[in-house]
Amino acid sequence: MSEARPRRPWYEHDGDGNYDFYLEDELYDSDDLRDLRELRGIALARKANNQANAPRLRTASERAIDVLGALDGSSASSQIRLLAVLPSDQYRGRIECSIERVDLGSPSAGEYMALSYMWSDMSAAKESILLNGTTWAVSQNVADCLRRIRHKTDSRRIWIDAICINQVDPAERGHQVGLMRRIYECSTECTVWLGEFDRVQGLDVSNHAMRWDGDIRDERHVDSYVGPDLERRAVEELVEAPDGGNKNTWETTKEKNLAGAFCLLAWASQNLHLPDIPLFQDAACLASSTPECLQAMSWILSRPYWTRAWIVQEVAVARHVVVQAGRLIAPFSLITKAVANLGRHLNGCCQRWMMLLPESFVDTIPTLELAAFYILPLGQIRHKWHEKSDISGSSPLTLTRLVASTYSRGATDPRDKIYSLLGLVQSWEGQNPLEADYLASPYDVAIRFVVNGTHLVLKGYRLGQLQVVTRPFELFPFPDIAPLAVLGWDTYPPSDETWELAYWRTMYLDVVTDGQTNRLRRFSNEDTARIVADCTKLRSGTSSSHEEVSSEDGEHAHLPRWCFDGDVVSELEHKTIFRTSRGYLGLALSDVAPTDEVFLPIGSPMPLVVRPGPRGGQEVDGFGTVKCHTLVGWCYVHGVMDGELIKAYGEMGHETGPLFLK
């Protein structure tokens, strides 16, 4: 390692009172000790001059505009970019594209296909394409998709956000997000790209698509896969071209299995019973082809794509949606019908027969359940969007309902969990519509979602007004220990469990300390049985060694405190048990009143007790005169603490208005 060069002093002194000053390697002789401030001024002036004359580094957004061209970003503009994928007869050939700017809805827009796909990490594998003659980096997933949709002889016009939007310009991103709904509505087809099931480098791959139609025309694909001789054709690697031309081989064995998975989904979409599906009828197939086909079907239904937030709007508003994996294509409706029918048969008529299937089929059941959670709501929202004018009395889609039904979906940018839904909102409930603004922080976006002016506007679920309010130790008279029949119940309605279990789980906030592990665990039926047995002994007089709590009137004793752990007793001293008008049992602070209400905000881990304000209401911007509330505190409500309401409301079957907190 070389020795560091010593720094030269900024002046030299000859010992006779003469100084030589160095400034940027130039020597200044100063017999009269020139003013040091003047020398500093010279240095600063030279530095500023050098910076002014240096070439300015151009921003990433400016470099992107050189290739993409600038868009009209005015609020009234509907200008977008479309990508033309140039033809090639070589599947592995370099991808060449051109970009054009068009106005949505104008003749210049013409026909185009909109892509819906999952973003990939650009720090991972990526590929370069030629865009307007310039090298442009895209993710491997995007490159695979462009190759699959590329024609041999004709250009294809598509819209893909990764290229058609200048992603490094926040202002343009926000403006284009506002046009996203129209972009997918105006497209001739939306292609859901799931990716390559088997990426084999260097293989001479065909780029002609194999398309399912979701109707009788699919028999040509089914017959080419299984044919009349099921055992023989299941192991063949031949498929008839969709245009009826010459037969060609499968690209890989995995693609053959993927075609078998599409056959399975096509049969399921026809509502066939499991024993009637051909691949489940032949012993040879059950032993060989069927497990691989089931594995491929699980791959289709478990793609991370289905869990993303942006796809909700893209799939919902498009006129026609297809799902593509490799070169295999099927209607989105085929997928949703298959998932719904498989779930219905597995949980009903075919449940007992399922035990005769191979273990590989049983392994797919969790995947089917996950697919039902993510894919079926997409179909429901799509149906509601396209049939909105035909649904008599149907409530419009609000941002509250959309957030509730998509709460578990992910987004690379957390702001997109809100922005991705804006185009689907049919009613803003009197509020000013939100606009996508990528200059705003995620916190600001969340605040804009819930706050209106000086009031906090909460979206969520009303659990009813408090009707029965009493101290925990005074609810049930002893020795009768009247059940919840005192409240008019035989069982606890929200969870349909016994009154004893609902009551004791509420008193313990549904957790107890395990005697063996000394860790918290959920309250169990065994805990209830133990407490009820102890109460029975006390009532019969066989046990009297524990303290009892007398009633105020002295006529009979009340619930014994020894039924609770010591810590629980001290906590309950300041709590109040309540029942709401909608039948929920809960525990709150002691200062609640019978006029209070219980409200569960979306995203909150705990319900709130709120108190109505004075009659007549208050003026809230965008809403007029509304009824306002004040916050009393948190509470425990049995039967809603594990997201039960979110799951139910996520099915788009319920609606509540906003709650205004002053």
Foldseek 3Di string as FASTA:
>chain_A
DDDDDDDDDQWDDPPPQWIWGAAPNDIDTDSPPPDVVVSVVVNVVVVVVVVVPDDDDDDPLVVLCVQAPDDPLDLPFQKWKKKKFAAAPFLPDATEIEIDIDGQPDVVVPAAEEEQEDADDQVPAWDWHQYVNDTDIGRPQVVLVSSLPHHHHGIHIYDYCVNTFSVVDLSRVQSVLVCVLSVQLRHPEYEYELGAPDDDPPQRDDNAFDEDELDPLCVQLVCQQQNPPRLVSVPDQWHAHSVRDDIDGDSDVLVSLLSLLVLLLSVLLVLDAPCPRVCNPDPNSLVPNVLSNLVSNLSVLPRLSLQAQLVLSNLQNHPFYWYDHNRYIYGLSSNLSNLVSVVVNCVPVCVVVCVVGDVSNVVCVVSSVVSCLRSNLSVVSSCCQVCVVPDPPADADALLLSCLLNVRGDDPQLLCSRSSCQVRHPDDQLDDRDTDGPVDHSVVSVQVVQDFPPKGWFFFDWQAFWDDKDQLFPPAFPPVRDFCVVVPDQDQPLVRHGRLVQSVCQLVVQWDQDPPPRDIDGDDPVLSVVLVVVSVCVRVVVDDPADWAADPVRPGTTDGPVSDDPVSSVVSVQKMWTAGPNRWTKIGGNPDDRQWTWTDGPPDLFIWIWHWDDPPADQTPSNGGDIAIETDGTMRIPNPNVPPVSSVSSSVPDGDGIHIYD
